Amino acid sequence: MKPIITTLKKYASFRGVASHKEFWCWALFAGLVAGGLFTLAWFTGKIGAYILWAACALLIIPTFAVTVRRLHDVGRSGWWVLLWSILLVGTVLYGFLSGYLLQNMNPGDTVSPFVNISVPIVALLAFGYSLLMLYWLASPGKTH
């Protein structure tokens, strides 16, 4: 419980370092909260969805902050988190837009070769970069 309280005390602090324990306890806590609220939203509809969105809005800043501090602990710049976020959000939006465009096609229409090639490439880049971030976040740092 102490690492979670530490992360909440440093709610928007992007300076300093975060230990393995602080980062992974926060990741588990945030994942359980989001997963539990997602389940609630699934069964309750709009009210649960509003609660989920509010909780995610409250959890996003300390999640970014503890991730940046964890990267500092392993000797990496915190700016890698911004690139990771842009890549992940961009991949999801690009996938949805491509799916939306494909959904509105008429029989006999052809799909742009650019869409056929670019969607999987962007998704592979996001996946590869996520694996790199996971490696960095799991690496031993200066703190114990």
N, C-alpha and C. Protein backbone atom coordinates (compact mmCIF):
# COMPACT_ATOMS: atom_id res chain seq x y z
N MET A 1 0.83 -1.20 0.00
CA MET A 1 0.00 0.00 0.00
C MET A 1 0.87 1.26 0.00
N LYS A 2 2.05 1.18 0.61
CA LYS A 2 2.93 2.34 0.70
C LYS A 2 3.35 2.87 -0.69
N PRO A 3 3.72 1.98 -1.65
CA PRO A 3 4.08 2.51 -2.97
C PRO A 3 2.94 3.25 -3.67
N ILE A 4 1.72 2.81 -3.45
CA ILE A 4 0.57 3.48 -4.06
C ILE A 4 0.38 4.86 -3.44
N ILE A 5 0.53 4.93 -2.13
CA ILE A 5 0.41 6.22 -1.44
C ILE A 5 1.53 7.16 -1.88
N THR A 6 2.74 6.60 -2.06
CA THR A 6 3.87 7.41 -2.54
C THR A 6 3.56 7.99 -3.90
N THR A 7 3.02 7.18 -4.79
CA THR A 7 2.67 7.66 -6.13
C THR A 7 1.60 8.73 -6.06
N LEU A 8 0.61 8.55 -5.19
CA LEU A 8 -0.44 9.56 -5.06
C LEU A 8 0.09 10.86 -4.46
N LYS A 9 1.05 10.76 -3.54
CA LYS A 9 1.66 11.97 -2.98
C LYS A 9 2.45 12.74 -4.04
N LYS A 10 3.03 11.99 -4.98
CA LYS A 10 3.79 12.61 -6.08
C LYS A 10 2.90 12.66 -7.33
N TYR A 11 1.63 12.96 -7.16
CA TYR A 11 0.59 12.88 -8.19
C TYR A 11 1.05 13.39 -9.55
N ALA A 12 1.61 14.58 -9.60
CA ALA A 12 2.01 15.17 -10.88
C ALA A 12 3.49 15.53 -10.89
N SER A 13 4.28 14.81 -10.12
CA SER A 13 5.72 15.07 -10.07
C SER A 13 6.44 14.21 -11.10
N PHE A 14 7.06 14.88 -12.05
CA PHE A 14 7.77 14.18 -13.11
C PHE A 14 9.28 14.20 -12.85
N ARG A 15 9.69 14.72 -11.74
CA ARG A 15 11.11 14.76 -11.38
C ARG A 15 11.43 13.64 -10.41
N GLY A 16 12.68 13.23 -10.44
CA GLY A 16 13.11 12.19 -9.53
C GLY A 16 12.98 10.81 -10.16
N VAL A 17 13.01 9.80 -9.31
CA VAL A 17 12.96 8.42 -9.78
C VAL A 17 11.85 7.65 -9.06
N ALA A 18 11.47 6.54 -9.66
CA ALA A 18 10.50 5.63 -9.05
C ALA A 18 11.11 4.23 -9.08
N SER A 19 11.03 3.54 -7.99
CA SER A 19 11.58 2.19 -7.90
C SER A 19 10.70 1.20 -8.66
N HIS A 20 11.26 0.00 -8.84
CA HIS A 20 10.47 -1.09 -9.43
C HIS A 20 9.16 -1.26 -8.68
N LYS A 21 9.28 -1.36 -7.37
CA LYS A 21 8.11 -1.64 -6.53
C LYS A 21 7.06 -0.54 -6.67
N GLU A 22 7.48 0.72 -6.63
CA GLU A 22 6.52 1.81 -6.75
C GLU A 22 5.81 1.76 -8.10
N PHE A 23 6.56 1.58 -9.18
CA PHE A 23 5.96 1.56 -10.51
C PHE A 23 5.00 0.39 -10.68
N TRP A 24 5.45 -0.83 -10.35
CA TRP A 24 4.64 -2.01 -10.62
C TRP A 24 3.44 -2.10 -9.67
N CYS A 25 3.58 -1.63 -8.44
CA CYS A 25 2.41 -1.59 -7.54
C CYS A 25 1.38 -0.60 -8.07
N TRP A 26 1.84 0.53 -8.58
CA TRP A 26 0.91 1.49 -9.16
C TRP A 26 0.24 0.91 -10.41
N ALA A 27 1.03 0.25 -11.27
CA ALA A 27 0.47 -0.35 -12.48
C ALA A 27 -0.61 -1.38 -12.12
N LEU A 28 -0.35 -2.20 -11.12
CA LEU A 28 -1.33 -3.19 -10.69
C LEU A 28 -2.58 -2.50 -10.13
N PHE A 29 -2.38 -1.50 -9.28
CA PHE A 29 -3.50 -0.77 -8.69
C PHE A 29 -4.36 -0.11 -9.77
N ALA A 30 -3.71 0.63 -10.68
CA ALA A 30 -4.45 1.34 -11.73
C ALA A 30 -5.15 0.34 -12.65
N GLY A 31 -4.49 -0.77 -12.96
CA GLY A 31 -5.11 -1.79 -13.80
C GLY A 31 -6.32 -2.43 -13.15
N LEU A 32 -6.21 -2.72 -11.85
CA LEU A 32 -7.36 -3.30 -11.14
C LEU A 32 -8.52 -2.33 -11.04
N VAL A 33 -8.21 -1.06 -10.77
CA VAL A 33 -9.28 -0.05 -10.70
C VAL A 33 -9.96 0.09 -12.05
N ALA A 34 -9.15 0.25 -13.11
CA ALA A 34 -9.73 0.41 -14.44
C ALA A 34 -10.49 -0.84 -14.87
N GLY A 35 -9.93 -2.01 -14.60
CA GLY A 35 -10.61 -3.26 -14.96
C GLY A 35 -11.91 -3.44 -14.20
N GLY A 36 -11.90 -3.14 -12.91
CA GLY A 36 -13.12 -3.24 -12.11
C GLY A 36 -14.18 -2.27 -12.59
N LEU A 37 -13.77 -1.05 -12.89
CA LEU A 37 -14.74 -0.06 -13.36
C LEU A 37 -15.21 -0.37 -14.78
N PHE A 38 -14.36 -0.98 -15.59
CA PHE A 38 -14.79 -1.41 -16.91
C PHE A 38 -15.88 -2.48 -16.79
N THR A 39 -15.68 -3.40 -15.86
CA THR A 39 -16.69 -4.43 -15.61
C THR A 39 -17.99 -3.80 -15.14
N LEU A 40 -17.88 -2.83 -14.24
CA LEU A 40 -19.06 -2.11 -13.77
C LEU A 40 -19.77 -1.42 -14.94
N ALA A 41 -18.99 -0.77 -15.81
CA ALA A 41 -19.57 -0.07 -16.96
C ALA A 41 -20.25 -1.05 -17.91
N TRP A 42 -19.67 -2.23 -18.03
CA TRP A 42 -20.22 -3.25 -18.92
C TRP A 42 -21.65 -3.63 -18.50
N PHE A 43 -21.82 -3.72 -17.18
CA PHE A 43 -23.11 -4.18 -16.67
C PHE A 43 -24.10 -3.05 -16.37
N THR A 44 -23.61 -1.84 -16.15
CA THR A 44 -24.51 -0.75 -15.77
C THR A 44 -24.78 0.24 -16.89
N GLY A 45 -24.00 0.22 -17.92
CA GLY A 45 -24.23 1.12 -19.05
C GLY A 45 -23.60 2.49 -18.84
N LYS A 46 -24.39 3.54 -19.15
CA LYS A 46 -23.85 4.90 -19.18
C LYS A 46 -23.27 5.37 -17.85
N ILE A 47 -23.95 5.10 -16.75
CA ILE A 47 -23.46 5.58 -15.46
C ILE A 47 -22.10 4.98 -15.14
N GLY A 48 -21.95 3.70 -15.35
CA GLY A 48 -20.67 3.04 -15.13
C GLY A 48 -19.60 3.56 -16.08
N ALA A 49 -19.99 3.87 -17.31
CA ALA A 49 -19.04 4.41 -18.27
C ALA A 49 -18.55 5.79 -17.85
N TYR A 50 -19.45 6.61 -17.33
CA TYR A 50 -19.04 7.94 -16.84
C TYR A 50 -18.08 7.81 -15.66
N ILE A 51 -18.36 6.87 -14.78
CA ILE A 51 -17.46 6.64 -13.64
C ILE A 51 -16.10 6.16 -14.13
N LEU A 52 -16.10 5.26 -15.11
CA LEU A 52 -14.85 4.75 -15.69
C LEU A 52 -14.04 5.88 -16.31
N TRP A 53 -14.68 6.73 -17.10
CA TRP A 53 -13.98 7.85 -17.73
C TRP A 53 -13.43 8.81 -16.69
N ALA A 54 -14.19 9.09 -15.65
CA ALA A 54 -13.72 9.99 -14.59
C ALA A 54 -12.51 9.38 -13.88
N ALA A 55 -12.57 8.09 -13.57
CA ALA A 55 -11.45 7.43 -12.90
C ALA A 55 -10.21 7.42 -13.79
N CYS A 56 -10.40 7.14 -15.07
CA CYS A 56 -9.25 7.15 -15.98
C CYS A 56 -8.64 8.54 -16.09
N ALA A 57 -9.48 9.56 -16.09
CA ALA A 57 -8.97 10.93 -16.13
C ALA A 57 -8.15 11.24 -14.88
N LEU A 58 -8.58 10.71 -13.73
CA LEU A 58 -7.84 10.94 -12.49
C LEU A 58 -6.56 10.10 -12.42
N LEU A 59 -6.56 8.95 -13.05
CA LEU A 59 -5.41 8.04 -12.98
C LEU A 59 -4.33 8.35 -14.02
N ILE A 60 -4.66 9.09 -15.06
CA ILE A 60 -3.71 9.24 -16.15
C ILE A 60 -2.49 10.08 -15.76
N ILE A 61 -2.68 11.13 -14.99
CA ILE A 61 -1.54 11.98 -14.63
C ILE A 61 -0.56 11.24 -13.72
N PRO A 62 -1.01 10.61 -12.63
CA PRO A 62 -0.02 9.88 -11.82
C PRO A 62 0.59 8.69 -12.56
N THR A 63 -0.13 8.11 -13.50
CA THR A 63 0.43 7.01 -14.28
C THR A 63 1.56 7.51 -15.16
N PHE A 64 1.34 8.62 -15.85
CA PHE A 64 2.42 9.21 -16.65
C PHE A 64 3.59 9.63 -15.77
N ALA A 65 3.28 10.23 -14.62
CA ALA A 65 4.34 10.71 -13.74
C ALA A 65 5.20 9.57 -13.21
N VAL A 66 4.58 8.50 -12.74
CA VAL A 66 5.36 7.38 -12.20
C VAL A 66 6.13 6.67 -13.32
N THR A 67 5.59 6.66 -14.53
CA THR A 67 6.29 6.06 -15.66
C THR A 67 7.52 6.88 -16.03
N VAL A 68 7.37 8.20 -16.05
CA VAL A 68 8.51 9.08 -16.33
C VAL A 68 9.58 8.91 -15.25
N ARG A 69 9.16 8.89 -14.00
CA ARG A 69 10.13 8.71 -12.91
C ARG A 69 10.82 7.35 -13.00
N ARG A 70 10.09 6.32 -13.42
CA ARG A 70 10.69 4.99 -13.57
C ARG A 70 11.72 5.01 -14.69
N LEU A 71 11.41 5.69 -15.79
CA LEU A 71 12.39 5.81 -16.88
C LEU A 71 13.63 6.56 -16.42
N HIS A 72 13.45 7.59 -15.60
CA HIS A 72 14.60 8.31 -15.05
C HIS A 72 15.48 7.36 -14.24
N ASP A 73 14.85 6.45 -13.52
CA ASP A 73 15.59 5.51 -12.67
C ASP A 73 16.46 4.57 -13.51
N VAL A 74 16.04 4.25 -14.72
CA VAL A 74 16.84 3.36 -15.56
C VAL A 74 17.70 4.14 -16.56
N GLY A 75 17.80 5.45 -16.35
CA GLY A 75 18.69 6.27 -17.18
C GLY A 75 18.12 6.69 -18.52
N ARG A 76 16.82 6.72 -18.66
CA ARG A 76 16.17 7.13 -19.91
C ARG A 76 15.44 8.44 -19.70
N SER A 77 15.21 9.14 -20.80
CA SER A 77 14.47 10.39 -20.74
C SER A 77 12.98 10.10 -20.58
N GLY A 78 12.31 10.94 -19.84
CA GLY A 78 10.87 10.80 -19.67
C GLY A 78 10.08 11.13 -20.93
N TRP A 79 10.72 11.79 -21.87
CA TRP A 79 10.03 12.15 -23.12
C TRP A 79 9.67 10.92 -23.95
N TRP A 80 10.29 9.77 -23.67
CA TRP A 80 9.93 8.54 -24.37
C TRP A 80 8.46 8.18 -24.14
N VAL A 81 7.92 8.58 -23.00
CA VAL A 81 6.52 8.28 -22.69
C VAL A 81 5.60 9.05 -23.65
N LEU A 82 5.95 10.28 -23.96
CA LEU A 82 5.14 11.07 -24.89
C LEU A 82 5.11 10.42 -26.26
N LEU A 83 6.27 10.01 -26.75
CA LEU A 83 6.32 9.35 -28.04
C LEU A 83 5.51 8.06 -28.03
N TRP A 84 5.62 7.30 -26.95
CA TRP A 84 4.87 6.05 -26.80
C TRP A 84 3.37 6.33 -26.82
N SER A 85 2.94 7.34 -26.10
CA SER A 85 1.51 7.69 -26.04
C SER A 85 0.99 8.11 -27.40
N ILE A 86 1.74 8.94 -28.09
CA ILE A 86 1.33 9.39 -29.42
C ILE A 86 1.22 8.20 -30.37
N LEU A 87 2.20 7.31 -30.30
CA LEU A 87 2.20 6.14 -31.18
C LEU A 87 1.02 5.22 -30.88
N LEU A 88 0.74 4.98 -29.60
CA LEU A 88 -0.37 4.09 -29.25
C LEU A 88 -1.72 4.70 -29.60
N VAL A 89 -1.92 5.95 -29.23
CA VAL A 89 -3.19 6.62 -29.53
C VAL A 89 -3.36 6.75 -31.04
N GLY A 90 -2.30 7.10 -31.73
CA GLY A 90 -2.36 7.21 -33.19
C GLY A 90 -2.70 5.90 -33.85
N THR A 91 -2.13 4.82 -33.35
CA THR A 91 -2.42 3.50 -33.92
C THR A 91 -3.89 3.14 -33.74
N VAL A 92 -4.41 3.38 -32.55
CA VAL A 92 -5.81 3.06 -32.30
C VAL A 92 -6.73 3.92 -33.18
N LEU A 93 -6.46 5.22 -33.23
CA LEU A 93 -7.29 6.10 -34.06
C LEU A 93 -7.19 5.73 -35.53
N TYR A 94 -5.99 5.45 -35.99
CA TYR A 94 -5.77 5.08 -37.38
C TYR A 94 -6.52 3.78 -37.71
N GLY A 95 -6.47 2.84 -36.79
CA GLY A 95 -7.19 1.58 -36.99
C GLY A 95 -8.69 1.79 -37.05
N PHE A 96 -9.22 2.61 -36.13
CA PHE A 96 -10.66 2.89 -36.15
C PHE A 96 -11.07 3.62 -37.42
N LEU A 97 -10.28 4.61 -37.83
CA LEU A 97 -10.62 5.35 -39.05
C LEU A 97 -10.58 4.45 -40.26
N SER A 98 -9.58 3.59 -40.32
CA SER A 98 -9.49 2.65 -41.45
C SER A 98 -10.68 1.71 -41.45
N GLY A 99 -11.04 1.20 -40.29
CA GLY A 99 -12.21 0.32 -40.19
C GLY A 99 -13.49 1.03 -40.56
N TYR A 100 -13.60 2.29 -40.15
CA TYR A 100 -14.79 3.07 -40.49
C TYR A 100 -14.88 3.27 -41.99
N LEU A 101 -13.76 3.59 -42.62
CA LEU A 101 -13.77 3.78 -44.07
C LEU A 101 -14.10 2.49 -44.79
N LEU A 102 -13.57 1.36 -44.30
CA LEU A 102 -13.85 0.08 -44.93
C LEU A 102 -15.32 -0.31 -44.76
N GLN A 103 -15.90 0.07 -43.64
CA GLN A 103 -17.30 -0.26 -43.35
C GLN A 103 -18.24 0.43 -44.33
N ASN A 104 -17.88 1.60 -44.76
CA ASN A 104 -18.75 2.38 -45.65
C ASN A 104 -18.49 2.13 -47.13
N MET A 105 -17.75 1.08 -47.44
CA MET A 105 -17.47 0.78 -48.84
C MET A 105 -18.64 0.04 -49.48
N ASN A 106 -18.76 0.21 -50.76
CA ASN A 106 -19.77 -0.50 -51.54
C ASN A 106 -19.15 -1.73 -52.18
N PRO A 107 -19.97 -2.73 -52.50
CA PRO A 107 -19.43 -3.90 -53.19
C PRO A 107 -18.74 -3.48 -54.49
N GLY A 108 -17.58 -4.02 -54.74
CA GLY A 108 -16.83 -3.69 -55.95
C GLY A 108 -15.80 -2.59 -55.73
N ASP A 109 -15.91 -1.84 -54.62
CA ASP A 109 -14.89 -0.82 -54.31
C ASP A 109 -13.60 -1.52 -53.94
N THR A 110 -12.51 -0.87 -54.24
CA THR A 110 -11.21 -1.44 -53.86
C THR A 110 -10.63 -0.66 -52.70
N VAL A 111 -9.86 -1.36 -51.90
CA VAL A 111 -9.21 -0.74 -50.75
C VAL A 111 -7.88 -0.17 -51.21
N SER A 112 -7.56 0.99 -50.72
CA SER A 112 -6.30 1.61 -51.06
C SER A 112 -5.14 0.71 -50.61
N PRO A 113 -4.16 0.49 -51.46
CA PRO A 113 -3.00 -0.30 -51.05
C PRO A 113 -2.27 0.34 -49.86
N PHE A 114 -2.36 1.66 -49.77
CA PHE A 114 -1.74 2.37 -48.65
C PHE A 114 -2.33 1.91 -47.32
N VAL A 115 -3.66 1.77 -47.27
CA VAL A 115 -4.32 1.31 -46.05
C VAL A 115 -3.95 -0.14 -45.76
N ASN A 116 -3.92 -0.97 -46.78
CA ASN A 116 -3.58 -2.38 -46.59
C ASN A 116 -2.18 -2.57 -46.02
N ILE A 117 -1.26 -1.71 -46.41
CA ILE A 117 0.13 -1.85 -45.97
C ILE A 117 0.39 -1.05 -44.70
N SER A 118 -0.15 0.15 -44.61
CA SER A 118 0.22 1.05 -43.51
C SER A 118 -0.37 0.64 -42.16
N VAL A 119 -1.59 0.14 -42.13
CA VAL A 119 -2.20 -0.22 -40.84
C VAL A 119 -1.38 -1.30 -40.12
N PRO A 120 -1.04 -2.40 -40.78
CA PRO A 120 -0.22 -3.40 -40.08
C PRO A 120 1.17 -2.89 -39.71
N ILE A 121 1.76 -2.04 -40.54
CA ILE A 121 3.09 -1.52 -40.23
C ILE A 121 3.03 -0.63 -39.00
N VAL A 122 2.06 0.26 -38.93
CA VAL A 122 1.91 1.15 -37.78
C VAL A 122 1.63 0.32 -36.52
N ALA A 123 0.79 -0.70 -36.65
CA ALA A 123 0.49 -1.55 -35.50
C ALA A 123 1.73 -2.30 -35.03
N LEU A 124 2.55 -2.79 -35.95
CA LEU A 124 3.80 -3.48 -35.58
C LEU A 124 4.79 -2.52 -34.92
N LEU A 125 4.86 -1.30 -35.43
CA LEU A 125 5.73 -0.30 -34.80
C LEU A 125 5.28 -0.01 -33.36
N ALA A 126 3.99 0.16 -33.17
CA ALA A 126 3.47 0.42 -31.83
C ALA A 126 3.74 -0.77 -30.90
N PHE A 127 3.55 -1.97 -31.41
CA PHE A 127 3.81 -3.17 -30.60
C PHE A 127 5.29 -3.28 -30.25
N GLY A 128 6.15 -3.08 -31.23
CA GLY A 128 7.60 -3.14 -30.97
C GLY A 128 8.05 -2.09 -29.98
N TYR A 129 7.54 -0.88 -30.12
CA TYR A 129 7.91 0.19 -29.20
C TYR A 129 7.37 -0.10 -27.80
N SER A 130 6.19 -0.72 -27.72
CA SER A 130 5.63 -1.10 -26.42
C SER A 130 6.52 -2.15 -25.74
N LEU A 131 7.04 -3.08 -26.52
CA LEU A 131 7.96 -4.07 -25.96
C LEU A 131 9.24 -3.41 -25.46
N LEU A 132 9.75 -2.43 -26.19
CA LEU A 132 10.94 -1.69 -25.76
C LEU A 132 10.66 -0.95 -24.45
N MET A 133 9.51 -0.29 -24.36
CA MET A 133 9.14 0.40 -23.12
C MET A 133 9.02 -0.58 -21.97
N LEU A 134 8.41 -1.72 -22.21
CA LEU A 134 8.27 -2.74 -21.17
C LEU A 134 9.65 -3.21 -20.70
N TYR A 135 10.57 -3.39 -21.62
CA TYR A 135 11.94 -3.78 -21.27
C TYR A 135 12.59 -2.71 -20.38
N TRP A 136 12.45 -1.45 -20.79
CA TRP A 136 13.03 -0.38 -19.98
C TRP A 136 12.40 -0.29 -18.60
N LEU A 137 11.08 -0.41 -18.54
CA LEU A 137 10.38 -0.29 -17.26
C LEU A 137 10.70 -1.46 -16.33
N ALA A 138 11.04 -2.60 -16.89
CA ALA A 138 11.37 -3.78 -16.08
C ALA A 138 12.86 -3.88 -15.77
N SER A 139 13.66 -3.03 -16.37
CA SER A 139 15.11 -3.07 -16.15
C SER A 139 15.46 -2.64 -14.74
N PRO A 140 16.57 -3.18 -14.22
CA PRO A 140 16.99 -2.72 -12.90
C PRO A 140 17.46 -1.27 -12.97
N GLY A 141 17.11 -0.53 -11.96
CA GLY A 141 17.48 0.89 -11.92
C GLY A 141 18.45 1.19 -10.80
N LYS A 142 18.56 2.46 -10.50
CA LYS A 142 19.46 2.90 -9.45
C LYS A 142 18.89 2.64 -8.06
N THR A 143 17.56 2.69 -7.95
CA THR A 143 16.92 2.47 -6.65
C THR A 143 16.62 1.00 -6.46
N HIS A 144 16.48 0.58 -5.25
CA HIS A 144 16.19 -0.84 -4.97
C HIS A 144 14.81 -1.02 -4.40
